[in-house]
Protein backbone atom coordinates (compact mmCIF):
# COMPACT_ATOMS: atom_id res chain seq x y z
CA MET A 1 10.89 39.38 8.36
CA LYS A 2 13.24 42.28 7.69
CA PRO A 3 16.77 42.16 9.13
CA ARG A 4 17.59 44.54 11.96
CA PRO A 5 20.01 47.36 11.15
CA VAL A 6 23.64 46.66 11.97
CA SER A 7 25.43 49.78 13.24
CA ASN A 8 24.48 52.63 10.86
CA PRO A 9 20.89 53.11 9.62
CA PRO A 10 20.75 54.24 5.96
CA ASN A 11 19.56 57.65 4.85
CA PRO A 12 16.28 57.10 2.92
CA TRP A 13 16.37 60.55 1.31
CA ASP A 14 19.73 60.34 -0.44
CA ALA A 15 19.51 58.08 -3.46
CA THR A 16 19.92 57.86 -7.22
CA THR A 17 17.42 56.64 -9.75
CA ILE A 18 17.24 52.84 -9.66
CA ASP A 19 14.98 50.36 -11.42
CA TRP A 20 13.69 47.49 -9.27
CA LEU A 21 12.46 44.16 -10.58
CA GLY A 22 10.58 43.43 -7.37
CA GLU A 23 9.80 45.08 -4.06
CA PRO A 24 12.46 47.71 -3.28
CA PRO A 25 14.21 47.92 0.10
CA PRO A 26 13.05 50.52 2.63
CA ALA A 27 16.01 52.77 1.75
CA LEU A 28 17.55 53.13 -1.69
CA PRO A 29 21.34 52.99 -1.92
CA ARG A 30 23.62 55.95 -1.93
CA VAL A 31 25.98 55.66 -4.92
CA TYR A 32 29.64 56.64 -5.08
CA ALA A 33 32.02 56.75 -8.05
CA ASP A 34 35.11 54.57 -7.98
CA ALA A 35 38.17 56.11 -9.67
CA THR A 36 39.96 52.79 -10.12
CA ARG A 37 42.33 52.52 -13.11
CA GLU A 38 42.11 48.72 -13.42
CA ILE A 39 39.01 46.55 -13.80
CA LEU A 40 40.41 43.02 -13.87
CA SER A 41 40.94 41.45 -10.46
CA ARG A 42 43.44 38.60 -10.31
CA ASN A 43 42.92 35.71 -7.94
CA ASP A 44 45.47 33.06 -7.02
CA SER A 45 43.46 31.15 -4.39
CA PRO A 46 43.76 27.40 -5.06
CA ASP A 47 40.11 26.71 -4.18
CA ILE A 48 38.53 29.33 -6.48
CA PRO A 49 37.94 28.13 -10.06
CA PHE A 50 38.88 31.33 -11.89
CA THR A 51 41.88 33.61 -12.16
CA TYR A 52 40.33 36.85 -13.40
CA SER A 53 37.08 38.57 -12.46
CA VAL A 54 35.23 41.78 -13.22
CA ASN A 55 33.32 43.50 -10.43
CA PRO A 56 31.71 46.76 -11.60
CA TYR A 57 30.21 47.40 -8.14
CA ARG A 58 31.41 47.32 -4.55
CA GLY A 59 28.72 46.67 -1.99
CA CYS A 60 25.42 45.05 -2.92
CA ALA A 61 21.80 46.09 -2.45
CA HIS A 62 20.70 42.46 -2.20
CA ALA A 63 21.82 42.78 1.45
CA CYS A 64 22.51 39.06 1.92
CA ALA A 65 23.43 38.55 5.56
CA TYR A 66 26.03 35.90 4.75
CA CYS A 67 27.94 37.72 1.96
CA TYR A 68 31.66 36.97 2.35
CA ALA A 69 32.51 40.20 0.45
CA ARG A 70 31.32 42.43 3.28
CA PRO A 71 34.79 42.99 4.79
CA THR A 72 36.01 44.54 1.51
CA HIS A 73 33.79 47.55 2.22
CA GLU A 74 35.96 48.36 5.21
CA TYR A 75 38.86 49.03 2.83
CA LEU A 76 36.81 51.97 1.51
CA GLY A 77 36.22 53.47 4.95
CA PHE A 78 32.67 52.07 5.16
CA GLY A 79 31.14 49.49 7.47
CA ALA A 80 30.45 45.85 6.66
CA GLY A 81 26.82 46.04 7.83
CA THR A 82 24.23 48.39 6.41
CA ASP A 83 26.97 50.42 4.69
CA PHE A 84 27.62 47.40 2.48
CA ASP A 85 23.91 47.18 1.66
CA THR A 86 23.24 50.87 1.06
CA ARG A 87 26.50 52.56 0.01
CA ILE A 88 27.28 51.18 -3.42
CA VAL A 89 30.50 52.12 -5.18
CA ALA A 90 30.34 52.00 -8.99
CA LYS A 91 33.31 51.70 -11.33
CA LEU A 92 31.97 54.05 -13.97
CA ARG A 93 34.83 53.45 -16.43
CA ALA A 94 34.54 49.66 -16.26
CA PRO A 95 33.84 48.98 -19.98
CA GLU A 96 36.60 51.38 -21.09
CA LEU A 97 39.08 49.81 -18.68
CA LEU A 98 38.19 46.30 -19.82
CA ARG A 99 38.74 47.23 -23.46
CA ARG A 100 42.12 48.70 -22.52
CA ALA A 101 43.04 45.44 -20.74
CA PHE A 102 42.08 43.37 -23.80
CA GLU A 103 44.30 45.49 -26.03
CA ARG A 104 47.41 44.68 -24.01
CA THR A 105 49.64 42.21 -25.81
CA SER A 106 49.95 40.23 -22.57
CA TRP A 107 46.22 39.41 -22.57
CA ASN A 108 45.50 35.99 -24.09
CA GLY A 109 41.75 35.68 -23.66
CA GLU A 110 41.55 34.03 -20.26
CA PRO A 111 38.00 33.38 -19.00
CA ILE A 112 36.58 36.19 -16.86
CA ALA A 113 34.19 35.64 -13.96
CA PHE A 114 31.41 38.19 -13.51
CA SER A 115 30.27 38.63 -9.90
CA GLY A 116 33.38 37.18 -8.34
CA ASN A 117 32.77 39.50 -5.40
CA THR A 118 29.41 41.31 -5.44
CA ASP A 119 26.51 40.74 -7.84
CA ALA A 120 27.18 42.42 -11.18
CA TRP A 121 23.43 42.48 -11.93
CA GLN A 122 22.25 44.06 -8.69
CA PRO A 123 19.47 46.67 -9.11
CA LEU A 124 21.77 49.64 -9.76
CA GLU A 125 22.96 47.93 -12.94
CA ALA A 126 19.52 48.55 -14.49
CA SER A 127 20.39 52.25 -14.48
CA LEU A 128 24.15 52.35 -14.96
CA ARG A 129 24.53 49.39 -17.37
CA LEU A 130 28.20 48.94 -16.51
CA THR A 131 28.03 45.15 -16.56
CA ARG A 132 26.28 45.20 -19.92
CA GLY A 133 28.99 47.53 -21.23
CA CYS A 134 31.64 45.05 -20.12
CA LEU A 135 29.75 42.17 -21.74
CA GLU A 136 29.59 44.15 -24.98
CA VAL A 137 33.38 44.41 -24.89
CA CYS A 138 33.67 40.67 -24.20
CA ALA A 139 31.35 39.89 -27.10
CA GLU A 140 33.34 42.15 -29.43
CA TYR A 141 36.59 40.41 -28.48
CA ARG A 142 34.98 36.98 -28.03
CA ASN A 143 36.51 36.71 -24.57
CA PRO A 144 35.06 33.81 -22.53
CA VAL A 145 32.86 34.75 -19.55
CA MET A 146 31.56 32.85 -16.53
CA VAL A 147 28.49 34.49 -15.01
CA THR A 148 27.28 34.00 -11.43
CA THR A 149 24.24 35.92 -10.21
CA LYS A 150 20.96 35.69 -8.33
CA ALA A 151 19.43 38.61 -10.26
CA PRO A 152 16.78 38.25 -13.01
CA LEU A 153 18.29 41.38 -14.57
CA VAL A 154 20.80 39.06 -16.27
CA GLU A 155 17.96 38.16 -18.66
CA ARG A 156 18.32 41.63 -20.19
CA ASP A 157 21.70 40.50 -21.52
CA LEU A 158 20.58 37.25 -23.15
CA ASP A 159 21.54 38.63 -26.55
CA LEU A 160 25.19 39.11 -25.57
CA LEU A 161 25.44 35.90 -23.57
CA SER A 162 23.84 33.93 -26.40
CA ALA A 163 26.29 35.39 -28.89
CA LEU A 164 29.20 34.37 -26.68
CA ALA A 165 27.68 30.95 -26.00
CA SER A 166 27.38 30.33 -29.75
CA VAL A 167 31.18 30.25 -29.93
CA GLY A 168 31.57 28.33 -26.69
CA ALA A 169 32.55 31.41 -24.69
CA ALA A 170 29.81 31.78 -22.08
CA SER A 171 28.36 29.87 -19.15
CA ALA A 172 26.11 30.98 -16.32
CA SER A 173 25.35 29.89 -12.77
CA ILE A 174 22.37 30.99 -10.70
CA THR A 175 22.90 31.13 -6.94
CA LEU A 176 20.04 29.33 -5.20
CA PRO A 177 20.66 28.33 -1.57
CA PHE A 178 16.98 28.13 -0.61
CA LEU A 179 13.64 27.03 -1.99
CA ASP A 180 11.91 28.17 1.21
CA ALA A 181 10.91 31.76 0.37
CA THR A 182 10.55 32.78 4.03
CA ARG A 183 14.08 31.77 4.92
CA ALA A 184 15.40 33.34 1.73
CA ARG A 185 13.67 36.61 2.56
CA ALA A 186 15.12 36.61 6.08
CA LEU A 187 18.74 36.25 4.93
CA GLU A 188 18.62 37.59 1.34
CA PRO A 189 16.03 40.32 1.88
CA TRP A 190 16.26 42.21 -1.43
CA ALA A 191 17.33 39.45 -3.79
CA ALA A 192 14.88 37.79 -6.18
CA SER A 193 12.68 35.04 -4.76
CA PRO A 194 13.74 31.41 -5.26
CA GLN A 195 10.94 30.85 -7.77
CA ARG A 196 12.01 33.88 -9.79
CA ARG A 197 15.57 32.57 -9.91
CA LEU A 198 14.32 29.24 -11.23
CA GLU A 199 12.60 31.17 -14.01
CA THR A 200 15.93 32.82 -14.82
CA ILE A 201 17.50 29.37 -15.16
CA ARG A 202 14.72 28.43 -17.60
CA ARG A 203 15.26 31.52 -19.71
CA LEU A 204 19.03 31.15 -19.83
CA ALA A 205 18.73 27.50 -20.81
CA ALA A 206 16.13 28.30 -23.47
CA ALA A 207 18.53 30.86 -24.94
CA GLY A 208 21.18 28.18 -25.42
CA ILE A 209 23.43 29.32 -22.57
CA PRO A 210 24.96 26.49 -20.51
CA VAL A 211 23.54 27.12 -17.04
CA GLY A 212 24.22 25.66 -13.64
CA VAL A 213 22.99 26.09 -10.10
CA SER A 214 25.14 27.18 -7.18
CA VAL A 215 23.82 25.95 -3.85
CA ALA A 216 25.71 28.57 -1.89
CA PRO A 217 26.02 29.05 0.88
CA VAL A 218 25.02 25.80 2.51
CA ILE A 219 24.19 26.79 6.09
CA PRO A 220 24.43 23.78 8.42
CA GLY A 221 21.23 23.27 10.39
CA LEU A 222 19.22 25.53 8.09
CA ASN A 223 19.26 24.81 4.36
CA ASP A 224 21.39 21.66 4.10
CA GLU A 225 18.16 19.68 4.31
CA GLU A 226 16.92 21.53 1.20
CA ILE A 227 19.79 20.46 -1.06
CA PRO A 228 17.97 17.60 -2.86
CA ARG A 229 14.90 19.78 -3.48
CA VAL A 230 16.95 22.73 -4.71
CA LEU A 231 18.84 20.51 -7.13
CA ALA A 232 15.68 18.82 -8.39
CA ALA A 233 13.97 22.17 -9.03
CA ALA A 234 17.02 23.58 -10.80
CA ARG A 235 17.38 20.45 -12.96
CA GLU A 236 13.75 20.65 -13.98
CA ALA A 237 14.30 24.30 -14.93
CA GLY A 238 17.17 23.40 -17.24
CA ALA A 239 20.35 23.53 -15.17
CA THR A 240 22.97 20.97 -16.19
CA ARG A 241 25.77 21.72 -13.72
CA ALA A 242 25.75 22.06 -9.95
CA HIS A 243 28.14 22.92 -7.16
CA TRP A 244 27.99 23.94 -3.52
CA LEU A 245 29.93 25.96 -0.98
CA LEU A 246 29.71 25.95 2.78
CA LEU A 247 28.87 29.18 4.59
CA ARG A 248 31.90 31.46 5.04
CA LEU A 249 31.91 34.07 7.82
CA PRO A 250 35.18 36.03 7.63
CA GLY A 251 35.78 39.00 9.92
CA PRO A 252 32.70 41.14 10.63
CA VAL A 253 30.44 38.87 8.54
CA LYS A 254 30.08 36.69 11.64
CA ASP A 255 28.38 39.49 13.56
CA VAL A 256 26.15 40.58 10.68
CA PHE A 257 25.04 37.03 9.95
CA GLU A 258 24.35 36.05 13.54
CA GLU A 259 22.36 39.20 14.28
CA ARG A 260 20.18 38.86 11.20
CA LEU A 261 19.76 35.12 11.72
CA ARG A 262 18.53 35.68 15.27
CA ALA A 263 16.19 38.45 14.11
CA GLY A 264 14.80 36.64 11.07
CA ILE A 265 14.84 32.94 12.01
CA PRO A 266 15.11 32.94 15.82
CA GLU A 267 13.78 29.40 16.22
CA ARG A 268 16.76 28.00 14.28
CA ALA A 269 19.50 30.36 15.41
CA GLU A 270 21.08 28.33 18.22
CA ARG A 271 21.03 25.15 16.20
CA VAL A 272 22.62 26.85 13.20
CA ILE A 273 25.41 28.49 15.21
CA HIS A 274 26.17 25.18 16.92
CA ARG A 275 26.26 23.29 13.60
CA ILE A 276 28.53 25.89 11.99
CA ARG A 277 31.00 25.46 14.84
CA GLU A 278 30.91 21.70 14.36
CA THR A 279 32.14 22.13 10.78
CA ARG A 280 34.91 24.55 11.83
CA ASP A 281 36.55 22.77 14.77
CA GLY A 282 34.62 24.92 17.26
CA LYS A 283 35.05 28.20 15.39
CA LEU A 284 32.65 30.20 13.24
CA TYR A 285 35.25 30.57 10.48
CA ASP A 286 38.37 28.83 9.26
CA ALA A 287 40.28 30.63 6.51
CA ARG A 288 42.38 27.68 5.37
CA PHE A 289 42.22 26.90 1.66
CA GLY A 290 40.23 23.75 1.02
CA VAL A 291 38.51 24.04 4.38
CA ARG A 292 36.84 27.45 4.18
CA GLY A 293 34.47 26.32 1.43
CA ARG A 294 33.88 22.72 2.54
CA GLY A 295 34.41 22.53 6.30
CA GLU A 296 35.58 19.52 8.30
CA GLY A 297 34.05 16.83 10.47
CA GLU A 298 31.04 14.56 10.32
CA ILE A 299 28.46 17.24 9.47
CA ALA A 300 30.58 18.61 6.61
CA ARG A 301 31.08 15.10 5.23
CA SER A 302 27.34 14.45 5.51
CA ILE A 303 26.55 17.63 3.52
CA ALA A 304 29.04 16.66 0.82
CA SER A 305 27.58 13.16 0.57
CA LEU A 306 24.02 14.47 0.39
CA PHE A 307 24.94 16.87 -2.41
CA GLU A 308 26.92 14.30 -4.38
CA ALA A 309 24.17 11.67 -4.14
CA ALA A 310 21.43 14.08 -5.24
CA ALA A 311 23.52 15.60 -8.03
CA SER A 312 24.49 12.18 -9.36
CA ARG A 313 20.91 10.90 -9.27
CA LEU A 314 19.72 13.95 -11.22
CA GLY A 315 22.48 13.72 -13.81
CA PHE A 316 24.30 16.96 -13.00
CA GLU A 317 27.83 17.73 -14.08
CA THR A 318 29.76 18.65 -10.95
CA GLY A 319 33.28 19.31 -12.25
CA GLU A 320 34.58 22.64 -13.48
CA ARG A 321 33.55 23.46 -17.01
CA SER A 322 36.42 23.88 -19.46
CA THR A 323 36.01 27.07 -21.47
CA PRO A 324 37.66 27.42 -24.90
CA ALA A 325 39.45 30.64 -25.74
CA PRO A 326 38.13 32.06 -29.05
CA PHE A 327 39.54 35.46 -28.12
CA ARG A 328 40.57 37.75 -30.94
CA ARG A 329 41.16 41.45 -31.24
CA PRO A 330 38.85 43.14 -33.75
CA ARG A 331 40.71 44.44 -36.78
CA PRO A 332 40.06 48.02 -37.90
CA GLN A 333 38.12 48.31 -41.15
CA LEU A 334 41.09 49.90 -42.89
CA ASP A 335 43.14 46.77 -42.21
CA LEU A 336 40.53 44.71 -44.02
CA PHE A 337 40.92 46.78 -47.17
CA ALA A 338 44.70 46.66 -46.87
CA ALA A 339 44.62 42.89 -46.59
CA GLY A 340 42.81 42.66 -49.94
C-alpha cells in the first residue's frame, strides 16, 4: 500500500532523467544543485561509529517513512514529508571537493562513511554518478571507506570497492529491517525489496568485500519479531557482521512515520505506537546519546537480547570493524622520474 502524502503533493511533470532498478515512484524527484564548498561532514556523537562521512545527496527518493534525516531538509527551506522524498539536492562538485580535502596536509586517511545521512546510491546516482566519482577518488588515494546502503546500485561500483577491499580499505553494510515484503513496501515504498537486498549481500561477498547487515530500524511491535529470520537470511547470503538500531523519530519524523504507519499497516499501528513509547519512557523520541539508538526498559532489553542471541548462534561479528589506513597521496609522474 502506498503512503499517503504528507503536506505537499509532488509535481509529477517536473523531473530530471533518472534510471530506476525497479518500479519507479508515482512522481519523479525534482533535483536541485547544492553549492556547498565542503563535502566531508564531521560527527562527534559518541554513539555513532564514524567521524567523517560523505553525503552527495540531501533528501532521498526511497521515501522511507522512518528516516531520521528528514529534519535536515527543513534547513534548506523544504518540508520533512514529501519534500524530502521528491526534492533531492545534489552536491555536483562532490568528487572535486573530496580530492581537495585529501590534498590537505591535515588529512591523515581517516575512514569515511558513505550514506551517513541519506542513501548515496539512491536512484538519482545512476544518472549523476557523484558517489562513484567520490569512490574513484578514495580508490586513487586508498582512503578507507565504510558503505551503508539499501540500494542494489552499489553493485555497479564493485570494481572500486573490490580494489579498496584488496588493501583492507573497504567494508559494506546492507540495511535490511524487514523480510516481510508487504511491510517493507508500506514503510520503504521505493527502496529495493528485501530479497533484492539479500542478492546485493551475495554479490558484495562474492566480490571479496567484507559485508554486514544492519537491522535498522528495529520498530517495536512490528519487525522486532523478524530479527532472527533477517539475520539468518543475511548470514546465508554471505554477511559476516551484524548490528541493530532502534527506531529514531526526531522532530517531524514522528508525524511522517505515524501517518504512513496508520495508512500502510493500520492493524499494527496502535500496538507499534504503544511499544515505541514503552522504550522511550512514555515518549516517541529520546535524544540522549546511548538511549536514542537502543531505548530503555523491558522491551528494549528484550530486543537487545533477541538480537544478541540470534547473532551469536549464527556466528556474526557484532563489534565495530577496525579499518587500517593505507592512505597515500598519488605522486605525479614527474616525481617518479626525478626520484630515479
